[in-house]
């Protein structure tokens, strides 16, 4: 059964509950490096099962998500109450050929974009965290909520990568 947008939002926000979202966002690039250390490109591209993304595909997804969220942050800061368009992550994966991307390039792109977005978020006045956009599927999302969602999204994918990496490393032994 597929999640509704509300269920997805609640699940992802649950991962970042009681965590400082900016701290989570700052740690993620380092955690990704740690988790994939020692894995070959071939291993990073191996899917853990039918219909499941490989680590390489998750890294490409994270890079694209960082690009999309960077744009959303800037939209909301530029125009409070702006419309936020949803996107189909599977279409992005297909069109972006995630399965063929270089995982190291995806990680580098993610890291550069994340630094840029963290610089923006860290310099934002406290009053601007209440600015919001109207997501076409999930409704009102403040800057604070978007950052918490992004932190939860990171935690979700870090767990997936950790699980896949453990399986891959066991196969090598």
N, C-alpha and C. Protein backbone atom coordinates (compact mmCIF):
# COMPACT_ATOMS: atom_id res chain seq x y z
N UNK A 1 0.84 -1.18 0.00
CA UNK A 1 0.00 0.00 0.00
C UNK A 1 0.89 1.24 0.00
N UNK A 2 0.59 2.15 -0.88
CA UNK A 2 1.36 3.39 -1.01
C UNK A 2 0.92 4.40 0.04
N UNK A 3 1.90 5.15 0.57
CA UNK A 3 1.62 6.18 1.57
C UNK A 3 0.91 7.37 0.94
N UNK A 4 0.05 7.99 1.70
CA UNK A 4 -0.52 9.27 1.28
C UNK A 4 0.53 10.35 1.57
N UNK A 5 0.39 11.53 0.96
CA UNK A 5 1.33 12.61 1.28
C UNK A 5 1.36 12.93 2.78
N UNK A 6 0.22 12.89 3.43
CA UNK A 6 0.17 13.17 4.88
C UNK A 6 0.92 12.08 5.67
N UNK A 7 0.72 10.83 5.31
CA UNK A 7 1.41 9.73 5.99
C UNK A 7 2.93 9.85 5.80
N UNK A 8 3.32 10.17 4.58
CA UNK A 8 4.75 10.35 4.29
C UNK A 8 5.32 11.46 5.16
N UNK A 9 4.62 12.59 5.18
CA UNK A 9 5.10 13.74 5.95
C UNK A 9 5.23 13.38 7.43
N UNK A 10 4.24 12.72 7.99
CA UNK A 10 4.28 12.33 9.40
C UNK A 10 5.42 11.35 9.69
N UNK A 11 5.61 10.38 8.79
CA UNK A 11 6.69 9.41 8.99
C UNK A 11 8.05 10.09 8.96
N UNK A 12 8.26 10.94 7.97
CA UNK A 12 9.56 11.61 7.81
C UNK A 12 9.80 12.58 8.97
N UNK A 13 8.78 13.34 9.36
CA UNK A 13 8.94 14.25 10.51
C UNK A 13 9.24 13.46 11.78
N UNK A 14 8.70 12.26 11.89
CA UNK A 14 8.96 11.43 13.06
C UNK A 14 10.43 11.07 13.22
N UNK A 15 11.14 10.91 12.11
CA UNK A 15 12.56 10.58 12.18
C UNK A 15 13.39 11.72 12.80
N UNK A 16 12.94 12.95 12.59
CA UNK A 16 13.73 14.09 13.06
C UNK A 16 13.18 14.68 14.37
N UNK A 17 12.19 14.02 14.96
CA UNK A 17 11.60 14.48 16.21
C UNK A 17 12.69 14.61 17.29
N UNK A 18 12.68 15.73 17.99
CA UNK A 18 13.63 16.01 19.08
C UNK A 18 15.09 16.09 18.62
N UNK A 19 15.30 16.34 17.34
CA UNK A 19 16.66 16.51 16.82
C UNK A 19 16.78 17.93 16.24
N UNK A 20 17.96 18.49 16.35
CA UNK A 20 18.22 19.79 15.74
C UNK A 20 18.39 19.56 14.23
N UNK A 21 17.46 20.05 13.41
CA UNK A 21 17.55 19.74 11.98
C UNK A 21 18.84 20.23 11.33
N UNK A 22 19.33 21.39 11.73
CA UNK A 22 20.56 21.89 11.11
C UNK A 22 21.76 21.02 11.46
N UNK A 23 21.77 20.48 12.65
CA UNK A 23 22.85 19.56 13.05
C UNK A 23 22.78 18.28 12.23
N UNK A 24 21.57 17.75 12.05
CA UNK A 24 21.40 16.55 11.23
C UNK A 24 21.86 16.83 9.80
N UNK A 25 21.42 17.96 9.25
CA UNK A 25 21.77 18.31 7.88
C UNK A 25 23.28 18.48 7.71
N UNK A 26 23.94 19.04 8.71
CA UNK A 26 25.39 19.24 8.64
C UNK A 26 26.16 17.93 8.72
N UNK A 27 25.63 16.96 9.47
CA UNK A 27 26.32 15.68 9.65
C UNK A 27 26.16 14.73 8.47
N UNK A 28 25.10 14.86 7.73
CA UNK A 28 24.77 13.88 6.69
C UNK A 28 25.88 13.64 5.68
N UNK A 29 26.50 14.66 5.09
CA UNK A 29 27.56 14.37 4.11
C UNK A 29 28.68 13.51 4.71
N UNK A 30 29.05 13.77 5.95
CA UNK A 30 30.11 13.00 6.60
C UNK A 30 29.66 11.56 6.86
N UNK A 31 28.39 11.41 7.24
CA UNK A 31 27.85 10.06 7.47
C UNK A 31 27.81 9.26 6.17
N UNK A 32 27.47 9.92 5.09
CA UNK A 32 27.44 9.23 3.79
C UNK A 32 28.83 8.73 3.42
N UNK A 33 29.82 9.57 3.59
CA UNK A 33 31.20 9.17 3.30
C UNK A 33 31.59 7.96 4.15
N UNK A 34 31.26 8.02 5.42
CA UNK A 34 31.60 6.93 6.34
C UNK A 34 30.90 5.63 5.90
N UNK A 35 29.63 5.72 5.55
CA UNK A 35 28.86 4.53 5.22
C UNK A 35 29.32 3.84 3.93
N UNK A 36 29.78 4.62 2.96
CA UNK A 36 30.16 3.99 1.68
C UNK A 36 31.65 3.70 1.57
N UNK A 37 32.41 4.10 2.59
CA UNK A 37 33.86 3.85 2.57
C UNK A 37 34.13 2.37 2.35
N UNK A 38 35.01 2.10 1.39
CA UNK A 38 35.42 0.72 1.13
C UNK A 38 34.55 -0.01 0.12
N UNK A 39 33.46 0.58 -0.31
CA UNK A 39 32.59 -0.07 -1.30
C UNK A 39 33.02 0.35 -2.71
N UNK A 40 32.99 -0.58 -3.63
CA UNK A 40 33.34 -0.29 -5.01
C UNK A 40 32.14 0.34 -5.73
N UNK A 41 32.41 0.92 -6.87
CA UNK A 41 31.33 1.49 -7.68
C UNK A 41 30.33 0.40 -8.06
N UNK A 42 30.84 -0.79 -8.37
CA UNK A 42 29.97 -1.91 -8.72
C UNK A 42 29.05 -2.25 -7.54
N UNK A 43 29.60 -2.27 -6.34
CA UNK A 43 28.78 -2.55 -5.16
C UNK A 43 27.76 -1.44 -4.93
N UNK A 44 28.18 -0.19 -5.10
CA UNK A 44 27.28 0.94 -4.88
C UNK A 44 26.11 0.93 -5.87
N UNK A 45 26.32 0.32 -7.02
CA UNK A 45 25.26 0.26 -8.04
C UNK A 45 24.38 -0.98 -7.90
N UNK A 46 24.73 -1.88 -7.02
CA UNK A 46 23.96 -3.12 -6.87
C UNK A 46 22.68 -2.83 -6.10
N UNK A 47 21.57 -3.22 -6.69
CA UNK A 47 20.28 -3.05 -6.04
C UNK A 47 20.07 -4.15 -5.01
N UNK A 48 19.52 -3.80 -3.85
CA UNK A 48 19.32 -4.80 -2.81
C UNK A 48 18.14 -5.74 -3.10
N UNK A 49 17.33 -5.41 -4.09
CA UNK A 49 16.20 -6.25 -4.45
C UNK A 49 15.42 -5.61 -5.58
N UNK A 50 14.48 -6.35 -6.15
CA UNK A 50 13.68 -5.81 -7.25
C UNK A 50 12.90 -4.57 -6.80
N UNK A 51 12.98 -3.52 -7.61
CA UNK A 51 12.25 -2.30 -7.31
C UNK A 51 12.86 -1.46 -6.20
N UNK A 52 14.01 -1.87 -5.69
CA UNK A 52 14.69 -1.12 -4.62
C UNK A 52 15.87 -0.36 -5.22
N UNK A 53 16.10 0.84 -4.71
CA UNK A 53 17.22 1.64 -5.19
C UNK A 53 18.54 1.15 -4.61
N UNK A 54 19.58 1.26 -5.43
CA UNK A 54 20.94 0.99 -4.98
C UNK A 54 21.44 2.20 -4.19
N UNK A 55 22.58 2.06 -3.56
CA UNK A 55 23.18 3.20 -2.86
C UNK A 55 23.48 4.31 -3.86
N UNK A 56 23.98 3.95 -5.04
CA UNK A 56 24.27 4.98 -6.06
C UNK A 56 23.01 5.76 -6.43
N UNK A 57 21.89 5.06 -6.56
CA UNK A 57 20.63 5.72 -6.89
C UNK A 57 20.16 6.61 -5.74
N UNK A 58 20.35 6.15 -4.52
CA UNK A 58 19.97 6.98 -3.36
C UNK A 58 20.83 8.24 -3.32
N UNK A 59 22.12 8.11 -3.60
CA UNK A 59 23.01 9.29 -3.61
C UNK A 59 22.58 10.28 -4.69
N UNK A 60 22.22 9.79 -5.86
CA UNK A 60 21.74 10.68 -6.94
C UNK A 60 20.44 11.35 -6.52
N UNK A 61 19.57 10.59 -5.87
CA UNK A 61 18.31 11.15 -5.36
C UNK A 61 18.58 12.24 -4.32
N UNK A 62 19.50 11.99 -3.42
CA UNK A 62 19.83 13.00 -2.41
C UNK A 62 20.36 14.28 -3.05
N UNK A 63 21.19 14.14 -4.09
CA UNK A 63 21.72 15.32 -4.77
C UNK A 63 20.59 16.12 -5.43
N UNK A 64 19.69 15.41 -6.12
CA UNK A 64 18.56 16.10 -6.76
C UNK A 64 17.63 16.72 -5.73
N UNK A 65 17.39 16.00 -4.64
CA UNK A 65 16.54 16.53 -3.58
C UNK A 65 17.13 17.80 -2.99
N UNK A 66 18.44 17.80 -2.81
CA UNK A 66 19.10 18.99 -2.26
C UNK A 66 18.93 20.18 -3.20
N UNK A 67 19.02 19.92 -4.49
CA UNK A 67 18.80 20.97 -5.49
C UNK A 67 17.37 21.50 -5.40
N UNK A 68 16.40 20.58 -5.35
CA UNK A 68 14.99 20.97 -5.28
C UNK A 68 14.68 21.73 -3.99
N UNK A 69 15.19 21.25 -2.87
CA UNK A 69 14.90 21.92 -1.60
C UNK A 69 15.60 23.26 -1.49
N UNK A 70 16.78 23.37 -2.07
CA UNK A 70 17.45 24.66 -2.10
C UNK A 70 16.60 25.70 -2.83
N UNK A 71 15.99 25.26 -3.91
CA UNK A 71 15.10 26.15 -4.65
C UNK A 71 13.87 26.49 -3.82
N UNK A 72 13.30 25.49 -3.13
CA UNK A 72 12.13 25.74 -2.28
C UNK A 72 12.46 26.73 -1.17
N UNK A 73 13.58 26.54 -0.51
CA UNK A 73 13.96 27.48 0.56
C UNK A 73 14.01 28.90 0.00
N UNK A 74 14.62 29.05 -1.14
CA UNK A 74 14.78 30.38 -1.73
C UNK A 74 13.44 30.95 -2.19
N UNK A 75 12.57 30.09 -2.69
CA UNK A 75 11.22 30.54 -3.07
C UNK A 75 10.48 31.10 -1.86
N UNK A 76 10.47 30.34 -0.79
CA UNK A 76 9.72 30.73 0.41
C UNK A 76 10.31 31.99 1.04
N UNK A 77 11.62 32.10 1.03
CA UNK A 77 12.25 33.31 1.58
C UNK A 77 11.97 34.54 0.71
N UNK A 78 11.87 34.33 -0.58
CA UNK A 78 11.63 35.44 -1.51
C UNK A 78 10.17 35.89 -1.52
N UNK A 79 9.27 34.92 -1.33
CA UNK A 79 7.84 35.25 -1.39
C UNK A 79 7.09 34.34 -0.42
N UNK A 80 6.77 34.87 0.73
CA UNK A 80 6.02 34.12 1.72
C UNK A 80 4.70 33.66 1.11
N UNK A 81 4.25 32.48 1.49
CA UNK A 81 2.99 31.88 1.02
C UNK A 81 3.04 31.47 -0.46
N UNK A 82 4.22 31.25 -0.98
CA UNK A 82 4.36 30.85 -2.38
C UNK A 82 3.90 29.41 -2.58
N UNK A 83 3.54 29.07 -3.79
CA UNK A 83 3.15 27.69 -4.13
C UNK A 83 4.41 26.85 -4.29
N UNK A 84 4.36 25.64 -3.74
CA UNK A 84 5.47 24.69 -3.86
C UNK A 84 4.99 23.47 -4.65
N UNK A 85 5.64 23.24 -5.75
CA UNK A 85 5.25 22.13 -6.62
C UNK A 85 5.86 20.82 -6.12
N UNK A 86 5.07 19.77 -6.12
CA UNK A 86 5.56 18.43 -5.80
C UNK A 86 6.33 17.91 -7.00
N UNK A 87 7.13 16.88 -6.77
CA UNK A 87 7.79 16.25 -7.91
C UNK A 87 7.76 14.73 -7.73
N UNK A 88 7.83 14.05 -8.84
CA UNK A 88 7.78 12.59 -8.86
C UNK A 88 9.22 12.06 -8.83
N UNK A 89 9.63 11.56 -7.66
CA UNK A 89 11.02 11.12 -7.50
C UNK A 89 11.36 9.97 -8.45
N UNK A 90 10.39 9.13 -8.79
CA UNK A 90 10.66 8.03 -9.71
C UNK A 90 10.89 8.53 -11.13
N UNK A 91 10.15 9.57 -11.52
CA UNK A 91 10.38 10.17 -12.84
C UNK A 91 11.76 10.84 -12.88
N UNK A 92 12.12 11.50 -11.77
CA UNK A 92 13.45 12.12 -11.71
C UNK A 92 14.54 11.05 -11.80
N UNK A 93 14.33 9.93 -11.13
CA UNK A 93 15.31 8.84 -11.15
C UNK A 93 15.45 8.28 -12.57
N UNK A 94 14.32 8.10 -13.23
CA UNK A 94 14.33 7.56 -14.60
C UNK A 94 14.99 8.56 -15.56
N UNK A 95 14.51 9.80 -15.54
CA UNK A 95 15.03 10.81 -16.46
C UNK A 95 16.48 11.18 -16.18
N UNK A 96 16.86 11.13 -14.91
CA UNK A 96 18.24 11.44 -14.52
C UNK A 96 19.17 10.25 -14.60
N UNK A 97 18.63 9.10 -15.01
CA UNK A 97 19.42 7.87 -15.14
C UNK A 97 20.25 7.61 -13.89
N UNK A 98 19.56 7.64 -12.74
CA UNK A 98 20.24 7.45 -11.46
C UNK A 98 21.07 6.17 -11.43
N UNK A 99 20.60 5.12 -12.08
CA UNK A 99 21.31 3.84 -12.02
C UNK A 99 22.66 3.89 -12.73
N UNK A 100 22.85 4.88 -13.58
CA UNK A 100 24.11 4.99 -14.33
C UNK A 100 25.00 6.13 -13.82
N UNK A 101 24.54 6.88 -12.84
CA UNK A 101 25.33 8.01 -12.36
C UNK A 101 26.55 7.53 -11.59
N UNK A 102 27.56 8.35 -11.57
CA UNK A 102 28.76 8.08 -10.79
C UNK A 102 28.44 8.43 -9.34
N UNK A 103 28.46 7.46 -8.43
CA UNK A 103 28.08 7.74 -7.04
C UNK A 103 28.97 8.80 -6.37
N UNK A 104 30.23 8.83 -6.74
CA UNK A 104 31.12 9.83 -6.14
C UNK A 104 30.76 11.24 -6.62
N UNK A 105 30.35 11.36 -7.88
CA UNK A 105 29.90 12.66 -8.40
C UNK A 105 28.61 13.08 -7.71
N UNK A 106 27.71 12.14 -7.52
CA UNK A 106 26.45 12.45 -6.82
C UNK A 106 26.73 12.93 -5.41
N UNK A 107 27.63 12.24 -4.71
CA UNK A 107 27.97 12.63 -3.34
C UNK A 107 28.63 14.01 -3.32
N UNK A 108 29.50 14.27 -4.28
CA UNK A 108 30.16 15.59 -4.35
C UNK A 108 29.13 16.69 -4.61
N UNK A 109 28.21 16.44 -5.53
CA UNK A 109 27.16 17.42 -5.84
C UNK A 109 26.29 17.66 -4.61
N UNK A 110 25.89 16.59 -3.98
CA UNK A 110 25.08 16.70 -2.76
C UNK A 110 25.80 17.55 -1.72
N UNK A 111 27.07 17.28 -1.50
CA UNK A 111 27.84 17.97 -0.46
C UNK A 111 27.97 19.47 -0.75
N UNK A 112 28.22 19.82 -1.99
CA UNK A 112 28.33 21.24 -2.37
C UNK A 112 26.99 21.96 -2.17
N UNK A 113 25.93 21.34 -2.66
CA UNK A 113 24.60 21.95 -2.51
C UNK A 113 24.19 22.04 -1.04
N UNK A 114 24.51 21.02 -0.27
CA UNK A 114 24.16 21.02 1.15
C UNK A 114 24.88 22.17 1.88
N UNK A 115 26.17 22.37 1.58
CA UNK A 115 26.90 23.47 2.21
C UNK A 115 26.25 24.81 1.89
N UNK A 116 25.85 24.98 0.64
CA UNK A 116 25.20 26.22 0.22
C UNK A 116 23.88 26.42 0.95
N UNK A 117 23.09 25.37 1.03
CA UNK A 117 21.79 25.47 1.70
C UNK A 117 21.95 25.68 3.21
N UNK A 118 22.94 25.03 3.80
CA UNK A 118 23.18 25.24 5.24
C UNK A 118 23.63 26.66 5.53
N UNK A 119 24.44 27.21 4.63
CA UNK A 119 24.87 28.61 4.79
C UNK A 119 23.66 29.53 4.79
N UNK A 120 22.73 29.28 3.87
CA UNK A 120 21.51 30.08 3.79
C UNK A 120 20.68 29.91 5.07
N UNK A 121 20.43 28.69 5.47
CA UNK A 121 19.59 28.43 6.64
C UNK A 121 20.23 28.97 7.93
N UNK A 122 21.53 28.83 8.04
CA UNK A 122 22.22 29.28 9.26
C UNK A 122 22.24 30.80 9.39
N UNK A 123 22.17 31.49 8.27
CA UNK A 123 22.23 32.95 8.31
C UNK A 123 20.84 33.60 8.36
N UNK A 124 19.81 32.79 8.32
CA UNK A 124 18.45 33.31 8.26
C UNK A 124 18.00 33.84 9.62
N UNK A 125 17.40 35.04 9.64
CA UNK A 125 16.87 35.56 10.92
C UNK A 125 15.77 34.64 11.45
N UNK A 126 15.68 34.55 12.75
CA UNK A 126 14.72 33.67 13.42
C UNK A 126 13.28 33.90 12.91
N UNK A 127 12.93 35.14 12.64
CA UNK A 127 11.58 35.48 12.20
C UNK A 127 11.24 34.85 10.85
N UNK A 128 12.23 34.58 10.02
CA UNK A 128 11.98 34.04 8.68
C UNK A 128 11.67 32.54 8.68
N UNK A 129 11.95 31.87 9.81
CA UNK A 129 11.66 30.44 9.90
C UNK A 129 10.15 30.17 9.84
N UNK A 130 9.35 31.22 10.08
CA UNK A 130 7.89 31.08 10.02
C UNK A 130 7.35 31.27 8.60
N UNK A 131 8.17 31.82 7.70
CA UNK A 131 7.74 31.93 6.30
C UNK A 131 7.32 30.54 5.83
N UNK A 132 6.35 30.51 4.94
CA UNK A 132 5.90 29.20 4.49
C UNK A 132 5.51 29.21 3.02
N UNK A 133 5.45 28.01 2.49
CA UNK A 133 4.94 27.78 1.16
C UNK A 133 3.78 26.83 1.25
N UNK A 134 2.99 26.78 0.19
CA UNK A 134 1.85 25.86 0.13
C UNK A 134 2.21 24.73 -0.82
N UNK A 135 2.60 23.61 -0.24
CA UNK A 135 2.96 22.44 -1.03
C UNK A 135 1.70 21.89 -1.66
N UNK A 136 1.75 21.58 -2.94
CA UNK A 136 0.53 21.18 -3.65
C UNK A 136 -0.06 19.86 -3.17
N UNK A 137 0.72 19.02 -2.49
CA UNK A 137 0.19 17.77 -1.95
C UNK A 137 0.07 17.78 -0.43
N UNK A 138 0.96 18.48 0.25
CA UNK A 138 1.03 18.38 1.71
C UNK A 138 0.55 19.64 2.44
N UNK A 139 0.21 20.67 1.70
CA UNK A 139 -0.31 21.88 2.32
C UNK A 139 0.79 22.79 2.86
N UNK A 140 0.44 23.55 3.88
CA UNK A 140 1.32 24.59 4.44
C UNK A 140 2.58 23.97 5.05
N UNK A 141 3.74 24.48 4.60
CA UNK A 141 5.02 24.04 5.14
C UNK A 141 5.91 25.25 5.38
N UNK A 142 6.20 25.49 6.64
CA UNK A 142 7.08 26.61 7.00
C UNK A 142 8.53 26.25 6.70
N UNK A 143 9.39 27.24 6.73
CA UNK A 143 10.83 26.99 6.57
C UNK A 143 11.29 25.99 7.62
N UNK A 144 10.80 26.14 8.83
CA UNK A 144 11.15 25.23 9.91
C UNK A 144 10.70 23.80 9.59
N UNK A 145 9.49 23.64 9.09
CA UNK A 145 8.98 22.32 8.73
C UNK A 145 9.76 21.72 7.58
N UNK A 146 10.08 22.52 6.58
CA UNK A 146 10.84 22.01 5.43
C UNK A 146 12.21 21.51 5.90
N UNK A 147 12.86 22.25 6.79
CA UNK A 147 14.17 21.82 7.31
C UNK A 147 14.03 20.53 8.12
N UNK A 148 12.98 20.42 8.93
CA UNK A 148 12.76 19.19 9.70
C UNK A 148 12.45 18.01 8.77
N UNK A 149 11.67 18.27 7.72
CA UNK A 149 11.41 17.22 6.74
C UNK A 149 12.70 16.77 6.05
N UNK A 150 13.54 17.73 5.72
CA UNK A 150 14.80 17.38 5.06
C UNK A 150 15.67 16.56 6.00
N UNK A 151 15.72 16.93 7.27
CA UNK A 151 16.51 16.16 8.25
C UNK A 151 15.96 14.74 8.37
N UNK A 152 14.65 14.60 8.44
CA UNK A 152 14.04 13.27 8.51
C UNK A 152 14.30 12.47 7.25
N UNK A 153 14.26 13.13 6.11
CA UNK A 153 14.56 12.51 4.82
C UNK A 153 15.99 11.98 4.83
N UNK A 154 16.91 12.77 5.35
CA UNK A 154 18.31 12.33 5.47
C UNK A 154 18.40 11.07 6.33
N UNK A 155 17.77 11.12 7.50
CA UNK A 155 17.83 9.98 8.43
C UNK A 155 17.26 8.73 7.76
N UNK A 156 16.15 8.87 7.07
CA UNK A 156 15.54 7.76 6.36
C UNK A 156 16.52 7.13 5.38
N UNK A 157 17.16 7.94 4.56
CA UNK A 157 18.07 7.41 3.54
C UNK A 157 19.40 6.94 4.14
N UNK A 158 19.85 7.57 5.20
CA UNK A 158 21.05 7.07 5.87
C UNK A 158 20.82 5.66 6.40
N UNK A 159 19.65 5.43 6.96
CA UNK A 159 19.31 4.09 7.45
C UNK A 159 19.27 3.08 6.31
N UNK A 160 18.69 3.48 5.19
CA UNK A 160 18.64 2.58 4.02
C UNK A 160 20.06 2.25 3.55
N UNK A 161 20.88 3.27 3.43
CA UNK A 161 22.25 3.06 2.95
C UNK A 161 23.03 2.18 3.93
N UNK A 162 22.86 2.43 5.21
CA UNK A 162 23.55 1.63 6.21
C UNK A 162 23.15 0.16 6.08
N UNK A 163 21.87 -0.09 5.91
CA UNK A 163 21.37 -1.46 5.76
C UNK A 163 21.96 -2.12 4.51
N UNK A 164 21.91 -1.43 3.38
CA UNK A 164 22.43 -1.98 2.12
C UNK A 164 23.93 -2.21 2.23
N UNK A 165 24.65 -1.25 2.80
CA UNK A 165 26.11 -1.37 2.95
C UNK A 165 26.48 -2.57 3.82
N UNK A 166 25.73 -2.81 4.88
CA UNK A 166 26.00 -3.97 5.74
C UNK A 166 25.85 -5.27 4.95
N UNK A 167 24.81 -5.35 4.14
CA UNK A 167 24.60 -6.55 3.31
C UNK A 167 25.76 -6.73 2.34
N UNK A 168 26.15 -5.64 1.68
CA UNK A 168 27.23 -5.71 0.70
C UNK A 168 28.55 -6.11 1.35
N UNK A 169 28.82 -5.56 2.52
CA UNK A 169 30.09 -5.87 3.20
C UNK A 169 30.10 -7.32 3.70
N UNK A 170 28.95 -7.87 4.09
CA UNK A 170 28.87 -9.27 4.51
C UNK A 170 29.14 -10.21 3.34
N UNK A 171 28.70 -9.83 2.16
CA UNK A 171 28.91 -10.67 0.97
C UNK A 171 30.38 -10.79 0.61
N UNK A 172 31.16 -9.76 0.96
CA UNK A 172 32.59 -9.74 0.63
C UNK A 172 33.35 -10.72 1.53
N UNK A 173 32.90 -10.88 2.76
CA UNK A 173 33.63 -11.72 3.72
C UNK A 173 33.64 -13.17 3.34
